[in-house]
C-alpha atoms as a PDB file:
ATOM      1  CA  UNK A   1       0.066   0.036  -0.016  1.00  0.00           C
ATOM      2  CA  UNK A   2       1.510   3.332  -1.047  1.00  0.00           C
ATOM      3  CA  UNK A   3       1.407   6.211   1.392  1.00  0.00           C
ATOM      4  CA  UNK A   4       0.272   9.196  -0.797  1.00  0.00           C
ATOM      5  CA  UNK A   5       1.431  11.619   1.864  1.00  0.00           C
ATOM      6  CA  UNK A   6       5.064  10.739   1.417  1.00  0.00           C
ATOM      7  CA  UNK A   7       7.220  10.942  -1.791  1.00  0.00           C
ATOM      8  CA  UNK A   8       7.188   7.896  -3.984  1.00  0.00           C
ATOM      9  CA  UNK A   9      10.255   5.726  -3.942  1.00  0.00           C
ATOM     10  CA  UNK A  10      11.959   3.567  -6.511  1.00  0.00           C
ATOM     11  CA  UNK A  11      10.368   0.581  -4.790  1.00  0.00           C
ATOM     12  CA  UNK A  12       6.938   2.103  -5.384  1.00  0.00           C
ATOM     13  CA  UNK A  13       7.654   2.634  -9.051  1.00  0.00           C
ATOM     14  CA  UNK A  14       8.852  -0.949  -9.438  1.00  0.00           C
ATOM     15  CA  UNK A  15       5.705  -2.379  -7.817  1.00  0.00           C
ATOM     16  CA  UNK A  16       3.383  -0.147  -9.802  1.00  0.00           C
ATOM     17  CA  UNK A  17       5.131  -1.170 -13.040  1.00  0.00           C
ATOM     18  CA  UNK A  18       5.379  -4.760 -12.148  1.00  0.00           C
ATOM     19  CA  UNK A  19       9.145  -4.885 -12.606  1.00  0.00           C
ATOM     20  CA  UNK A  20      12.254  -5.238 -10.422  1.00  0.00           C
ATOM     21  CA  UNK A  21      14.044  -2.280  -8.789  1.00  0.00           C
ATOM     22  CA  UNK A  22      17.041  -3.031 -10.913  1.00  0.00           C
ATOM     23  CA  UNK A  23      14.941  -2.652 -14.054  1.00  0.00           C
ATOM     24  CA  UNK A  24      13.760   0.797 -12.920  1.00  0.00           C
ATOM     25  CA  UNK A  25      17.358   1.748 -12.238  1.00  0.00           C
ATOM     26  CA  UNK A  26      18.330   0.720 -15.763  1.00  0.00           C
ATOM     27  CA  UNK A  27      15.607   2.788 -17.296  1.00  0.00           C
ATOM     28  CA  UNK A  28      16.625   5.760 -15.200  1.00  0.00           C
ATOM     29  CA  UNK A  29      20.287   5.573 -15.999  1.00  0.00           C
ATOM     30  CA  UNK A  30      20.114   4.336 -19.601  1.00  0.00           C
ATOM     31  CA  UNK A  31      23.174   2.244 -18.932  1.00  0.00           C
ATOM     32  CA  UNK A  32      21.727  -1.143 -20.061  1.00  0.00           C
ATOM     33  CA  UNK A  33      19.322  -1.720 -22.953  1.00  0.00           C
ATOM     34  CA  UNK A  34      15.677  -2.125 -21.921  1.00  0.00           C
ATOM     35  CA  UNK A  35      12.781  -2.991 -24.207  1.00  0.00           C
ATOM     36  CA  UNK A  36      10.513  -0.144 -25.238  1.00  0.00           C
ATOM     37  CA  UNK A  37       7.498  -1.864 -23.550  1.00  0.00           C
ATOM     38  CA  UNK A  38       9.328  -2.032 -20.156  1.00  0.00           C
ATOM     39  CA  UNK A  39      10.482   1.600 -20.530  1.00  0.00           C
ATOM     40  CA  UNK A  40       6.973   2.721 -21.179  1.00  0.00           C
ATOM     41  CA  UNK A  41       5.609   0.834 -18.080  1.00  0.00           C
ATOM     42  CA  UNK A  42       8.256   2.405 -15.854  1.00  0.00           C
ATOM     43  CA  UNK A  43       7.704   5.876 -17.202  1.00  0.00           C
ATOM     44  CA  UNK A  44       3.967   5.557 -16.845  1.00  0.00           C
ATOM     45  CA  UNK A  45       4.415   4.500 -13.173  1.00  0.00           C
ATOM     46  CA  UNK A  46       6.745   7.407 -12.510  1.00  0.00           C
ATOM     47  CA  UNK A  47       4.128   9.895 -13.951  1.00  0.00           C
ATOM     48  CA  UNK A  48       1.273   8.298 -11.988  1.00  0.00           C
ATOM     49  CA  UNK A  49       3.207   8.356  -8.726  1.00  0.00           C
ATOM     50  CA  UNK A  50       4.859  11.761  -9.522  1.00  0.00           C
ATOM     51  CA  UNK A  51       8.265  10.087  -8.792  1.00  0.00           C
ATOM     52  CA  UNK A  52      11.349  12.330  -9.062  1.00  0.00           C
ATOM     53  CA  UNK A  53      14.692  10.360  -9.186  1.00  0.00           C
ATOM     54  CA  UNK A  54      17.051  11.391  -6.463  1.00  0.00           C
ATOM     55  CA  UNK A  55      20.641  12.203  -7.583  1.00  0.00           C
ATOM     56  CA  UNK A  56      22.080  10.158  -4.761  1.00  0.00           C
ATOM     57  CA  UNK A  57      20.120   7.039  -5.739  1.00  0.00           C
ATOM     58  CA  UNK A  58      21.153   7.396  -9.323  1.00  0.00           C
ATOM     59  CA  UNK A  59      24.803   7.882  -8.241  1.00  0.00           C
ATOM     60  CA  UNK A  60      24.659   4.534  -6.319  1.00  0.00           C
ATOM     61  CA  UNK A  61      23.225   2.779  -9.309  1.00  0.00           C
ATOM     62  CA  UNK A  62      25.942   4.061 -11.692  1.00  0.00           C
ATOM     63  CA  UNK A  63      28.858   4.244  -9.266  1.00  0.00           C
ATOM     64  CA  UNK A  64      29.135   7.938 -10.241  1.00  0.00           C
ATOM     65  CA  UNK A  65      29.725  10.799  -7.855  1.00  0.00           C
ATOM     66  CA  UNK A  66      29.169  13.722 -10.281  1.00  0.00           C
ATOM     67  CA  UNK A  67      32.431  15.127  -8.816  1.00  0.00           C
ATOM     68  CA  UNK A  68      35.789  15.844 -10.436  1.00  0.00           C
ATOM     69  CA  UNK A  69      39.016  15.767  -8.417  1.00  0.00           C
ATOM     70  CA  UNK A  70      41.709  18.325  -8.852  1.00  0.00           C
ATOM     71  CA  UNK A  71      45.143  17.655  -7.357  1.00  0.00           C
ATOM     72  CA  UNK A  72      47.534  20.582  -6.951  1.00  0.00           C
ATOM     73  CA  UNK A  73      50.988  20.967  -5.358  1.00  0.00           C
ATOM     74  CA  UNK A  74      49.651  24.101  -3.685  1.00  0.00           C
ATOM     75  CA  UNK A  75      47.493  27.163  -4.397  1.00  0.00           C
ATOM     76  CA  UNK A  76      49.693  30.297  -4.253  1.00  0.00           C
ATOM     77  CA  UNK A  77      49.634  33.470  -6.213  1.00  0.00           C
ATOM     78  CA  UNK A  78      47.399  34.890  -8.885  1.00  0.00           C
ATOM     79  CA  UNK A  79      48.016  32.083 -11.334  1.00  0.00           C
ATOM     80  CA  UNK A  80      45.486  29.629 -10.020  1.00  0.00           C
ATOM     81  CA  UNK A  81      42.373  31.905  -9.969  1.00  0.00           C
ATOM     82  CA  UNK A  82      41.839  31.764 -13.722  1.00  0.00           C
ATOM     83  CA  UNK A  83      42.776  28.160 -13.865  1.00  0.00           C
ATOM     84  CA  UNK A  84      40.127  27.184 -11.323  1.00  0.00           C
ATOM     85  CA  UNK A  85      37.589  29.452 -13.025  1.00  0.00           C
ATOM     86  CA  UNK A  86      38.148  27.612 -16.301  1.00  0.00           C
ATOM     87  CA  UNK A  87      37.833  24.150 -14.681  1.00  0.00           C
ATOM     88  CA  UNK A  88      34.717  25.048 -12.758  1.00  0.00           C
ATOM     89  CA  UNK A  89      33.006  26.521 -15.810  1.00  0.00           C
ATOM     90  CA  UNK A  90      33.161  23.235 -17.718  1.00  0.00           C
ATOM     91  CA  UNK A  91      32.484  21.119 -14.675  1.00  0.00           C
ATOM     92  CA  UNK A  92      29.317  23.120 -13.951  1.00  0.00           C
ATOM     93  CA  UNK A  93      28.167  22.824 -17.627  1.00  0.00           C
ATOM     94  CA  UNK A  94      28.226  18.979 -17.087  1.00  0.00           C
ATOM     95  CA  UNK A  95      26.578  19.108 -13.629  1.00  0.00           C
ATOM     96  CA  UNK A  96      29.795  18.192 -11.794  1.00  0.00           C
ATOM     97  CA  UNK A  97      31.190  19.469  -8.469  1.00  0.00           C
ATOM     98  CA  UNK A  98      34.918  20.061  -8.003  1.00  0.00           C
ATOM     99  CA  UNK A  99      36.915  18.428  -5.166  1.00  0.00           C
ATOM    100  CA  UNK A 100      40.330  20.013  -4.602  1.00  0.00           C
ATOM    101  CA  UNK A 101      43.290  18.592  -2.685  1.00  0.00           C
ATOM    102  CA  UNK A 102      46.850  20.004  -2.334  1.00  0.00           C
ATOM    103  CA  UNK A 103      50.013  17.938  -1.956  1.00  0.00           C
ATOM    104  CA  UNK A 104      51.917  20.819  -0.367  1.00  0.00           C
ATOM    105  CA  UNK A 105      55.676  21.663  -0.689  1.00  0.00           C
ATOM    106  CA  UNK A 106      56.699  18.096   0.091  1.00  0.00           C
ATOM    107  CA  UNK A 107      57.093  17.511  -3.627  1.00  0.00           C
ATOM    108  CA  UNK A 108      55.243  15.160  -5.996  1.00  0.00           C
ATOM    109  CA  UNK A 109      53.414  12.420  -4.139  1.00  0.00           C
ATOM    110  CA  UNK A 110      53.688   8.718  -5.009  1.00  0.00           C
ATOM    111  CA  UNK A 111      50.060   8.060  -4.315  1.00  0.00           C
ATOM    112  CA  UNK A 112      46.664   9.913  -4.356  1.00  0.00           C
ATOM    113  CA  UNK A 113      45.850  11.806  -1.204  1.00  0.00           C
ATOM    114  CA  UNK A 114      43.169  10.783   1.259  1.00  0.00           C
ATOM    115  CA  UNK A 115      40.187  12.713  -0.292  1.00  0.00           C
ATOM    116  CA  UNK A 116      40.537  10.616  -3.517  1.00  0.00           C
ATOM    117  CA  UNK A 117      40.977   7.169  -2.034  1.00  0.00           C
ATOM    118  CA  UNK A 118      37.415   6.192  -1.513  1.00  0.00           C
ATOM    119  CA  UNK A 119      36.203   6.678  -5.075  1.00  0.00           C
ATOM    120  CA  UNK A 120      35.000  10.312  -4.301  1.00  0.00           C
ATOM    121  CA  UNK A 121      35.562  11.495  -7.837  1.00  0.00           C
ATOM    122  CA  UNK A 122      34.704  10.222 -11.240  1.00  0.00           C
ATOM    123  CA  UNK A 123      37.913  11.568 -12.804  1.00  0.00           C
ATOM    124  CA  UNK A 124      40.976  13.410 -11.879  1.00  0.00           C
ATOM    125  CA  UNK A 125      42.871  16.557 -12.956  1.00  0.00           C
ATOM    126  CA  UNK A 126      46.487  16.347 -11.988  1.00  0.00           C
ATOM    127  CA  UNK A 127      48.545  19.553 -12.012  1.00  0.00           C
ATOM    128  CA  UNK A 128      52.337  19.480 -12.446  1.00  0.00           C
ATOM    129  CA  UNK A 129      54.361  18.817  -9.361  1.00  0.00           C
ATOM    130  CA  UNK A 130      51.513  17.147  -7.401  1.00  0.00           C
ATOM    131  CA  UNK A 131      51.798  13.512  -8.414  1.00  0.00           C
ATOM    132  CA  UNK A 132      54.965  11.654  -9.317  1.00  0.00           C
ATOM    133  CA  UNK A 133      55.382   9.483 -12.465  1.00  0.00           C
ATOM    134  CA  UNK A 134      54.926   6.385 -10.300  1.00  0.00           C
ATOM    135  CA  UNK A 135      51.742   7.874  -8.808  1.00  0.00           C
ATOM    136  CA  UNK A 136      50.483   8.602 -12.335  1.00  0.00           C
ATOM    137  CA  UNK A 137      51.242   5.028 -13.469  1.00  0.00           C
ATOM    138  CA  UNK A 138      49.542   3.558 -10.349  1.00  0.00           C
ATOM    139  CA  UNK A 139      46.432   5.742 -10.779  1.00  0.00           C
ATOM    140  CA  UNK A 140      46.161   4.918 -14.493  1.00  0.00           C
ATOM    141  CA  UNK A 141      46.477   1.179 -13.616  1.00  0.00           C
ATOM    142  CA  UNK A 142      43.286   1.537 -11.520  1.00  0.00           C
ATOM    143  CA  UNK A 143      41.369   2.642 -14.478  1.00  0.00           C
ATOM    144  CA  UNK A 144      40.656   6.179 -13.195  1.00  0.00           C
ATOM    145  CA  UNK A 145      40.019   8.732 -15.942  1.00  0.00           C
ATOM    146  CA  UNK A 146      42.674  11.370 -15.586  1.00  0.00           C
ATOM    147  CA  UNK A 147      44.190  14.399 -17.423  1.00  0.00           C
ATOM    148  CA  UNK A 148      47.539  16.038 -16.671  1.00  0.00           C
ATOM    149  CA  UNK A 149      48.048  19.850 -16.639  1.00  0.00           C
ATOM    150  CA  UNK A 150      51.460  21.218 -17.486  1.00  0.00           C
ATOM    151  CA  UNK A 151      53.062  17.798 -17.208  1.00  0.00           C
ATOM    152  CA  UNK A 152      53.455  15.114 -19.826  1.00  0.00           C
ATOM    153  CA  UNK A 153      52.723  11.459 -18.905  1.00  0.00           C
ATOM    154  CA  UNK A 154      55.528   8.814 -18.284  1.00  0.00           C
ATOM    155  CA  UNK A 155      56.771   7.176 -21.404  1.00  0.00           C
ATOM    156  CA  UNK A 156      54.201   4.834 -23.029  1.00  0.00           C
ATOM    157  CA  UNK A 157      51.323   5.881 -20.895  1.00  0.00           C
ATOM    158  CA  UNK A 158      48.302   7.217 -22.965  1.00  0.00           C
ATOM    159  CA  UNK A 159      47.219   9.838 -20.558  1.00  0.00           C
ATOM    160  CA  UNK A 160      45.959  13.148 -21.995  1.00  0.00           C
ATOM    161  CA  UNK A 161      47.949  16.260 -21.237  1.00  0.00           C
ATOM    162  CA  UNK A 162      47.116  19.881 -21.606  1.00  0.00           C
ATOM    163  CA  UNK A 163      49.978  22.338 -21.528  1.00  0.00           C
ATOM    164  CA  UNK A 164      51.442  25.501 -23.238  1.00  0.00           C
ATOM    165  CA  UNK A 165      54.108  26.481 -25.652  1.00  0.00           C
ATOM    166  CA  UNK A 166      57.159  27.537 -23.536  1.00  0.00           C
ATOM    167  CA  UNK A 167      60.398  27.351 -25.511  1.00  0.00           C
ATOM    168  CA  UNK A 168      59.660  29.543 -28.552  1.00  0.00           C
ATOM    169  CA  UNK A 169      57.946  32.248 -26.289  1.00  0.00           C
ATOM    170  CA  UNK A 170      60.957  32.344 -23.987  1.00  0.00           C
ATOM    171  CA  UNK A 171      63.304  32.551 -26.903  1.00  0.00           C
ATOM    172  CA  UNK A 172      61.285  35.452 -28.301  1.00  0.00           C
ATOM    173  CA  UNK A 173      61.179  37.465 -25.056  1.00  0.00           C
ATOM    174  CA  UNK A 174      64.983  37.013 -24.412  1.00  0.00           C
ATOM    175  CA  UNK A 175      65.793  37.895 -28.089  1.00  0.00           C
ATOM    176  CA  UNK A 176      63.689  41.073 -27.564  1.00  0.00           C
ATOM    177  CA  UNK A 177      66.033  42.007 -24.707  1.00  0.00           C
ATOM    178  CA  UNK A 178      69.041  41.249 -26.912  1.00  0.00           C
ATOM    179  CA  UNK A 179      67.971  42.905 -30.106  1.00  0.00           C
ATOM    180  CA  UNK A 180      65.720  45.771 -29.043  1.00  0.00           C
ATOM    181  CA  UNK A 181      67.527  46.701 -25.784  1.00  0.00           C
ATOM    182  CA  UNK A 182      71.054  45.577 -26.382  1.00  0.00           C
ATOM    183  CA  UNK A 183      71.127  43.445 -23.214  1.00  0.00           C
ATOM    184  CA  UNK A 184      73.973  40.949 -23.090  1.00  0.00           C
ATOM    185  CA  UNK A 185      74.201  39.747 -19.503  1.00  0.00           C
ATOM    186  CA  UNK A 186      70.756  38.237 -18.854  1.00  0.00           C
ATOM    187  CA  UNK A 187      69.889  36.417 -15.672  1.00  0.00           C
ATOM    188  CA  UNK A 188      67.686  33.290 -16.014  1.00  0.00           C
ATOM    189  CA  UNK A 189      65.759  32.319 -12.923  1.00  0.00           C
ATOM    190  CA  UNK A 190      64.942  28.596 -13.085  1.00  0.00           C
ATOM    191  CA  UNK A 191      61.531  26.976 -12.338  1.00  0.00           C
ATOM    192  CA  UNK A 192      60.971  24.415  -9.714  1.00  0.00           C
ATOM    193  CA  UNK A 193      63.148  21.332  -9.846  1.00  0.00           C
ATOM    194  CA  UNK A 194      61.893  18.816 -12.517  1.00  0.00           C
ATOM    195  CA  UNK A 195      59.241  21.286 -13.709  1.00  0.00           C
ATOM    196  CA  UNK A 196      58.601  20.813 -17.469  1.00  0.00           C
ATOM    197  CA  UNK A 197      57.553  24.412 -18.034  1.00  0.00           C
ATOM    198  CA  UNK A 198      60.776  25.572 -16.397  1.00  0.00           C
ATOM    199  CA  UNK A 199      62.880  23.157 -18.388  1.00  0.00           C
ATOM    200  CA  UNK A 200      61.456  24.272 -21.683  1.00  0.00           C
ATOM    201  CA  UNK A 201      61.929  27.909 -20.796  1.00  0.00           C
ATOM    202  CA  UNK A 202      65.592  27.304 -19.979  1.00  0.00           C
ATOM    203  CA  UNK A 203      66.005  25.703 -23.394  1.00  0.00           C
ATOM    204  CA  UNK A 204      64.469  28.856 -24.985  1.00  0.00           C
ATOM    205  CA  UNK A 205      66.802  31.064 -23.017  1.00  0.00           C
ATOM    206  CA  UNK A 206      69.799  29.048 -24.052  1.00  0.00           C
ATOM    207  CA  UNK A 207      68.743  29.056 -27.720  1.00  0.00           C
ATOM    208  CA  UNK A 208      68.332  32.754 -27.778  1.00  0.00           C
ATOM    209  CA  UNK A 209      71.767  33.431 -26.353  1.00  0.00           C
ATOM    210  CA  UNK A 210      73.438  30.822 -28.585  1.00  0.00           C
ATOM    211  CA  UNK A 211      71.775  32.255 -31.728  1.00  0.00           C
ATOM    212  CA  UNK A 212      73.268  35.698 -30.911  1.00  0.00           C
ATOM    213  CA  UNK A 213      76.707  34.362 -30.043  1.00  0.00           C
ATOM    214  CA  UNK A 214      76.360  35.294 -26.401  1.00  0.00           C
ATOM    215  CA  UNK A 215      78.164  32.877 -24.027  1.00  0.00           C
ATOM    216  CA  UNK A 216      75.963  30.980 -21.603  1.00  0.00           C
ATOM    217  CA  UNK A 217      77.385  31.805 -18.130  1.00  0.00           C
ATOM    218  CA  UNK A 218      76.455  29.396 -15.242  1.00  0.00           C
ATOM    219  CA  UNK A 219      76.759  32.305 -12.781  1.00  0.00           C
ATOM    220  CA  UNK A 220      73.777  34.010 -14.503  1.00  0.00           C
ATOM    221  CA  UNK A 221      71.450  31.003 -13.970  1.00  0.00           C
ATOM    222  CA  UNK A 222      69.925  31.005 -10.504  1.00  0.00           C
ATOM    223  CA  UNK A 223      66.989  29.574  -8.608  1.00  0.00           C
ATOM    224  CA  UNK A 224      63.596  31.248  -8.990  1.00  0.00           C
ATOM    225  CA  UNK A 225      61.152  28.276  -8.518  1.00  0.00           C
ATOM    226  CA  UNK A 226      58.290  30.568  -9.580  1.00  0.00           C
ATOM    227  CA  UNK A 227      58.382  32.036  -6.162  1.00  0.00           C
ATOM    228  CA  UNK A 228      58.787  35.720  -5.337  1.00  0.00           C
ATOM    229  CA  UNK A 229      60.812  35.075  -2.125  1.00  0.00           C
ATOM    230  CA  UNK A 230      63.297  32.657  -3.706  1.00  0.00           C
ATOM    231  CA  UNK A 231      63.673  34.963  -6.704  1.00  0.00           C
ATOM    232  CA  UNK A 232      64.393  37.940  -4.504  1.00  0.00           C
ATOM    233  CA  UNK A 233      66.956  35.987  -2.545  1.00  0.00           C
ATOM    234  CA  UNK A 234      68.690  34.854  -5.712  1.00  0.00           C
ATOM    235  CA  UNK A 235      68.934  38.385  -7.155  1.00  0.00           C
ATOM    236  CA  UNK A 236      70.216  39.768  -3.827  1.00  0.00           C
ATOM    237  CA  UNK A 237      72.873  37.010  -3.767  1.00  0.00           C
ATOM    238  CA  UNK A 238      74.018  37.865  -7.350  1.00  0.00           C
ATOM    239  CA  UNK A 239      74.397  41.587  -6.353  1.00  0.00           C
ATOM    240  CA  UNK A 240      76.340  40.563  -3.184  1.00  0.00           C
ATOM    241  CA  UNK A 241      78.641  38.429  -5.278  1.00  0.00           C
ATOM    242  CA  UNK A 242      79.306  41.376  -7.610  1.00  0.00           C
ATOM    243  CA  UNK A 243      77.974  39.589 -10.639  1.00  0.00           C
ATOM    244  CA  UNK A 244      76.998  42.167 -13.265  1.00  0.00           C
ATOM    245  CA  UNK A 245      73.864  41.843 -15.224  1.00  0.00           C
ATOM    246  CA  UNK A 246      71.626  44.127 -17.331  1.00  0.00           C
ATOM    247  CA  UNK A 247      68.548  41.927 -17.796  1.00  0.00           C
ATOM    248  CA  UNK A 248      66.488  39.330 -15.925  1.00  0.00           C
ATOM    249  CA  UNK A 249      64.145  36.675 -17.229  1.00  0.00           C
ATOM    250  CA  UNK A 250      62.293  35.966 -13.985  1.00  0.00           C
ATOM    251  CA  UNK A 251      60.813  32.579 -14.949  1.00  0.00           C
ATOM    252  CA  UNK A 252      57.269  33.690 -14.231  1.00  0.00           C
ATOM    253  CA  UNK A 253      55.453  36.856 -13.101  1.00  0.00           C
ATOM    254  CA  UNK A 254      55.293  35.746  -9.523  1.00  0.00           C
ATOM    255  CA  UNK A 255      59.053  35.552  -9.380  1.00  0.00           C
ATOM    256  CA  UNK A 256      59.315  38.936 -11.107  1.00  0.00           C
ATOM    257  CA  UNK A 257      57.759  40.545  -8.059  1.00  0.00           C
ATOM    258  CA  UNK A 258      60.684  39.324  -6.047  1.00  0.00           C
ATOM    259  CA  UNK A 259      63.120  40.509  -8.705  1.00  0.00           C
ATOM    260  CA  UNK A 260      61.548  44.024  -8.518  1.00  0.00           C
ATOM    261  CA  UNK A 261      61.972  44.112  -4.750  1.00  0.00           C
ATOM    262  CA  UNK A 262      65.667  43.069  -4.833  1.00  0.00           C
ATOM    263  CA  UNK A 263      66.583  45.679  -7.529  1.00  0.00           C
ATOM    264  CA  UNK A 264      64.716  48.511  -5.780  1.00  0.00           C
ATOM    265  CA  UNK A 265      66.371  47.580  -2.427  1.00  0.00           C
ATOM    266  CA  UNK A 266      69.734  47.940  -4.265  1.00  0.00           C
ATOM    267  CA  UNK A 267      68.619  51.280  -5.749  1.00  0.00           C
ATOM    268  CA  UNK A 268      68.690  49.973  -9.252  1.00  0.00           C
ATOM    269  CA  UNK A 269      66.184  51.302 -11.686  1.00  0.00           C
ATOM    270  CA  UNK A 270      63.858  49.160 -13.909  1.00  0.00           C
ATOM    271  CA  UNK A 271      64.444  49.292 -16.898  1.00  0.00           C
ATOM    272  CA  UNK A 272      67.131  51.948 -17.040  1.00  0.00           C
ATOM    273  CA  UNK A 273      69.655  49.818 -15.123  1.00  0.00           C
ATOM    274  CA  UNK A 274      68.166  46.344 -15.521  1.00  0.00           C
ATOM    275  CA  UNK A 275      65.406  45.129 -17.867  1.00  0.00           C
ATOM    276  CA  UNK A 276      62.980  42.586 -16.253  1.00  0.00           C
ATOM    277  CA  UNK A 277      60.596  40.193 -18.114  1.00  0.00           C
ATOM    278  CA  UNK A 278      58.281  37.496 -16.871  1.00  0.00           C
ATOM    279  CA  UNK A 279      55.965  34.745 -18.116  1.00  0.00           C
ATOM    280  CA  UNK A 280      52.237  34.035 -17.612  1.00  0.00           C
ATOM    281  CA  UNK A 281      50.765  37.503 -17.905  1.00  0.00           C
ATOM    282  CA  UNK A 282      49.035  37.362 -14.540  1.00  0.00           C
ATOM    283  CA  UNK A 283      46.829  40.253 -13.444  1.00  0.00           C
ATOM    284  CA  UNK A 284      49.622  41.586 -11.319  1.00  0.00           C
ATOM    285  CA  UNK A 285      51.829  42.107 -14.406  1.00  0.00           C
ATOM    286  CA  UNK A 286      49.836  45.129 -15.477  1.00  0.00           C
ATOM    287  CA  UNK A 287      49.849  46.828 -12.109  1.00  0.00           C
ATOM    288  CA  UNK A 288      53.611  46.589 -11.358  1.00  0.00           C
ATOM    289  CA  UNK A 289      55.550  49.719 -11.752  1.00  0.00           C
ATOM    290  CA  UNK A 290      56.822  49.732 -14.392  1.00  0.00           C
ATOM    291  CA  UNK A 291      54.257  47.383 -16.038  1.00  0.00           C
ATOM    292  CA  UNK A 292      55.885  44.015 -16.704  1.00  0.00           C
ATOM    293  CA  UNK A 293      56.801  42.770 -20.136  1.00  0.00           C
ATOM    294  CA  UNK A 294      55.852  39.106 -20.147  1.00  0.00           C
ATOM    295  CA  UNK A 295      54.366  36.223 -22.141  1.00  0.00           C
ATOM    296  CA  UNK A 296      50.576  35.799 -22.212  1.00  0.00           C
ATOM    297  CA  UNK A 297      49.474  32.318 -21.227  1.00  0.00           C
ATOM    298  CA  UNK A 298      45.790  31.441 -21.682  1.00  0.00           C
ATOM    299  CA  UNK A 299      45.526  30.062 -18.082  1.00  0.00           C
ATOM    300  CA  UNK A 300      41.822  29.783 -17.972  1.00  0.00           C
ATOM    301  CA  UNK A 301      41.805  27.886 -21.304  1.00  0.00           C
ATOM    302  CA  UNK A 302      44.229  25.342 -19.893  1.00  0.00           C
ATOM    303  CA  UNK A 303      41.624  24.551 -17.210  1.00  0.00           C
ATOM    304  CA  UNK A 304      38.736  24.519 -19.796  1.00  0.00           C
ATOM    305  CA  UNK A 305      40.570  22.163 -22.234  1.00  0.00           C
ATOM    306  CA  UNK A 306      41.721  19.868 -19.603  1.00  0.00           C
ATOM    307  CA  UNK A 307      38.280  19.506 -18.131  1.00  0.00           C
ATOM    308  CA  UNK A 308      36.764  18.980 -21.572  1.00  0.00           C
ATOM    309  CA  UNK A 309      39.251  16.191 -22.170  1.00  0.00           C
ATOM    310  CA  UNK A 310      38.408  14.641 -18.795  1.00  0.00           C
ATOM    311  CA  UNK A 311      34.679  14.697 -19.509  1.00  0.00           C
ATOM    312  CA  UNK A 312      35.286  12.964 -22.851  1.00  0.00           C
ATOM    313  CA  UNK A 313      37.234  10.204 -20.965  1.00  0.00           C
ATOM    314  CA  UNK A 314      34.420   9.820 -18.394  1.00  0.00           C
ATOM    315  CA  UNK A 315      31.887   9.571 -21.193  1.00  0.00           C
ATOM    316  CA  UNK A 316      34.016   6.971 -23.085  1.00  0.00           C
ATOM    317  CA  UNK A 317      34.587   9.325 -25.998  1.00  0.00           C
ATOM    318  CA  UNK A 318      37.851   9.698 -27.972  1.00  0.00           C
ATOM    319  CA  UNK A 319      40.025  12.633 -26.959  1.00  0.00           C
ATOM    320  CA  UNK A 320      43.403  14.325 -27.843  1.00  0.00           C
ATOM    321  CA  UNK A 321      46.525  12.888 -26.093  1.00  0.00           C
ATOM    322  CA  UNK A 322      48.356  16.176 -26.225  1.00  0.00           C
ATOM    323  CA  UNK A 323      46.863  19.665 -26.237  1.00  0.00           C
ATOM    324  CA  UNK A 324      49.474  22.427 -26.724  1.00  0.00           C
ATOM    325  CA  UNK A 325      48.066  25.942 -26.317  1.00  0.00           C
ATOM    326  CA  UNK A 326      49.786  28.917 -27.872  1.00  0.00           C
ATOM    327  CA  UNK A 327      51.413  31.760 -25.997  1.00  0.00           C
ATOM    328  CA  UNK A 328      52.067  35.334 -27.078  1.00  0.00           C
ATOM    329  CA  UNK A 329      54.600  38.104 -26.217  1.00  0.00           C
ATOM    330  CA  UNK A 330      53.179  41.117 -24.398  1.00  0.00           C
ATOM    331  CA  UNK A 331      55.386  44.221 -24.494  1.00  0.00           C
ATOM    332  CA  UNK A 332      55.100  46.736 -21.652  1.00  0.00           C
ATOM    333  CA  UNK A 333      57.582  49.072 -20.017  1.00  0.00           C
ATOM    334  CA  UNK A 334      59.802  46.878 -17.813  1.00  0.00           C
ATOM    335  CA  UNK A 335      62.002  45.817 -20.710  1.00  0.00           C
ATOM    336  CA  UNK A 336      62.704  49.428 -21.800  1.00  0.00           C
ATOM    337  CA  UNK A 337      59.939  49.911 -24.351  1.00  0.00           C
ATOM    338  CA  UNK A 338      57.814  53.066 -24.012  1.00  0.00           C
ATOM    339  CA  UNK A 339      54.580  52.777 -22.043  1.00  0.00           C
END
């Protein structure tokens, strides 16, 4: 006997239609073929009982959580705001929530963190520096849909990756310092250890110097780690050591903030004494004084494309293995060009 004063349940629908609960579940989730006659019976029962499927019940039947997992090393600086915005926009379009976990400064982890251990996400977005190659292999072996951001997969592993063009853009911005501003002693601040973006940028720096017959001096390559404090410390150390330089490629815009601080503390003018350039075109680049010459990265688009690829995997659709997004040079005043 159905209590008309309480909402109908999936059990009520099954009894009304004269089918099993599992058959009703199949009709609701469309995951197993069901005859048109049975579908009609179930749909008629739902209409008669004014039954509304509950999301939780459907999730149990499909083993879906309608949640995407995002693993980051940490969330620091202006870089991650547009990235998260891009990810969330696509997730919301597909009715998915976003679960975020950070690995911290301990370095890439060899296994997924606690929040992702109990099948709390239907797929994972893995940002560079958060999960080691062994961790990527182990996660892939479990059959978890996953997409890497700013990190290519281990050799032979068909895991989609979304990243940006680094080398040509770095070569272009360093050559701008050499050709347009006659800089010859250009400091390069490295990225984090084993960071692919940083490695490609160093290759672009070296290519630019080599192309213009400028010797590569190890003394002018110092840690930056995409961190303003580390960058400031490195520039201050170069100045204490009496190493002369007339330009700095900061590695990224966040590190450029530290470069500005170190130079100003030493009473050196940007760009009169030292030209400074960055990478990413974060929102802070436009408000620094002088405004920062940098490389524009479509940060939000990285998040959008990665989440699109992940949704394709979850829906068992084909997807691109490598997505390489273009970057563009943005000229402002910090290199020596007019405002």
